[in-house]
Amino acid sequence: MVKTVFWGFVLFLAISFFGISLKAIIESPAGQENLAYLAQLATAFWHWLLLCLMLFRYQITNLIG
């Protein structure tokens, strides 16, 4: 957890150092399209993970009883 916060802070400093505006990137049409694509990938991964967990649970339940 501490490492994640540290590296997030380092990334923030690097972005600030190079003068990159996150607001401009996120509000741009390409940025919006990329965010939508990432959200779609995250949703698909989440559904796949839930399916795997349900199948695992089903197999364990049938194995035990």
Protein backbone atom coordinates (compact mmCIF):
# COMPACT_ATOMS: atom_id res chain seq x y z
CA MET A 1 0.00 0.00 0.00
CA VAL A 2 2.77 2.42 0.93
CA LYS A 3 4.69 1.53 -2.24
CA THR A 4 1.62 2.24 -4.37
CA VAL A 5 1.10 5.64 -2.78
CA PHE A 6 4.81 6.42 -3.15
CA TRP A 7 4.91 5.50 -6.85
CA GLY A 8 1.67 7.39 -7.46
CA PHE A 9 3.28 10.46 -5.92
CA VAL A 10 6.43 9.98 -8.03
CA LEU A 11 4.28 9.67 -11.16
CA PHE A 12 2.41 12.84 -10.20
CA LEU A 13 5.70 14.71 -9.74
CA ALA A 14 7.02 13.46 -13.09
CA ILE A 15 3.85 14.54 -14.88
CA SER A 16 4.02 17.94 -13.20
CA PHE A 17 7.72 18.30 -14.05
CA PHE A 18 7.08 17.79 -17.76
CA GLY A 19 4.08 20.14 -17.71
CA ILE A 20 1.53 17.55 -18.77
CA SER A 21 -2.06 18.53 -18.03
CA LEU A 22 -4.09 15.54 -16.90
CA LYS A 23 -7.29 17.56 -17.24
CA ALA A 24 -6.56 18.27 -20.92
CA ILE A 25 -5.76 14.62 -21.56
CA ILE A 26 -8.90 13.33 -19.85
CA GLU A 27 -11.19 15.89 -21.47
CA SER A 28 -9.85 15.31 -24.99
CA PRO A 29 -11.89 13.08 -27.33
CA ALA A 30 -9.03 10.56 -27.56
CA GLY A 31 -8.73 10.53 -23.77
CA GLN A 32 -12.46 9.95 -23.37
CA GLU A 33 -12.33 7.12 -25.89
CA ASN A 34 -9.37 5.51 -24.11
CA LEU A 35 -11.09 5.77 -20.73
CA ALA A 36 -14.24 4.18 -22.14
CA TYR A 37 -12.15 1.36 -23.61
CA LEU A 38 -10.38 0.77 -20.29
CA ALA A 39 -13.72 0.73 -18.47
CA GLN A 40 -15.02 -1.83 -20.97
CA LEU A 41 -11.93 -4.02 -20.48
CA ALA A 42 -12.23 -3.78 -16.69
CA THR A 43 -15.90 -4.78 -16.86
CA ALA A 44 -15.16 -7.74 -19.13
CA PHE A 45 -12.34 -8.87 -16.83
CA TRP A 46 -14.59 -8.55 -13.78
CA HIS A 47 -17.30 -10.69 -15.40
CA TRP A 48 -14.71 -13.29 -16.45
CA LEU A 49 -13.29 -13.40 -12.92
CA LEU A 50 -16.74 -13.84 -11.39
CA LEU A 51 -17.51 -16.64 -13.83
CA CYS A 52 -14.25 -18.41 -12.94
CA LEU A 53 -14.98 -18.09 -9.22
CA MET A 54 -18.53 -19.40 -9.65
CA LEU A 55 -17.29 -22.38 -11.66
CA PHE A 56 -14.62 -23.08 -9.05
CA ARG A 57 -17.21 -22.92 -6.28
CA TYR A 58 -19.51 -25.24 -8.23
CA GLN A 59 -16.74 -27.78 -8.75
CA ILE A 60 -15.69 -27.68 -5.10
CA THR A 61 -19.30 -28.11 -3.94
CA ASN A 62 -19.80 -31.10 -6.22
CA LEU A 63 -16.50 -32.60 -5.11
CA ILE A 64 -17.32 -32.31 -1.40
CA GLY A 65 -20.95 -33.22 -1.34
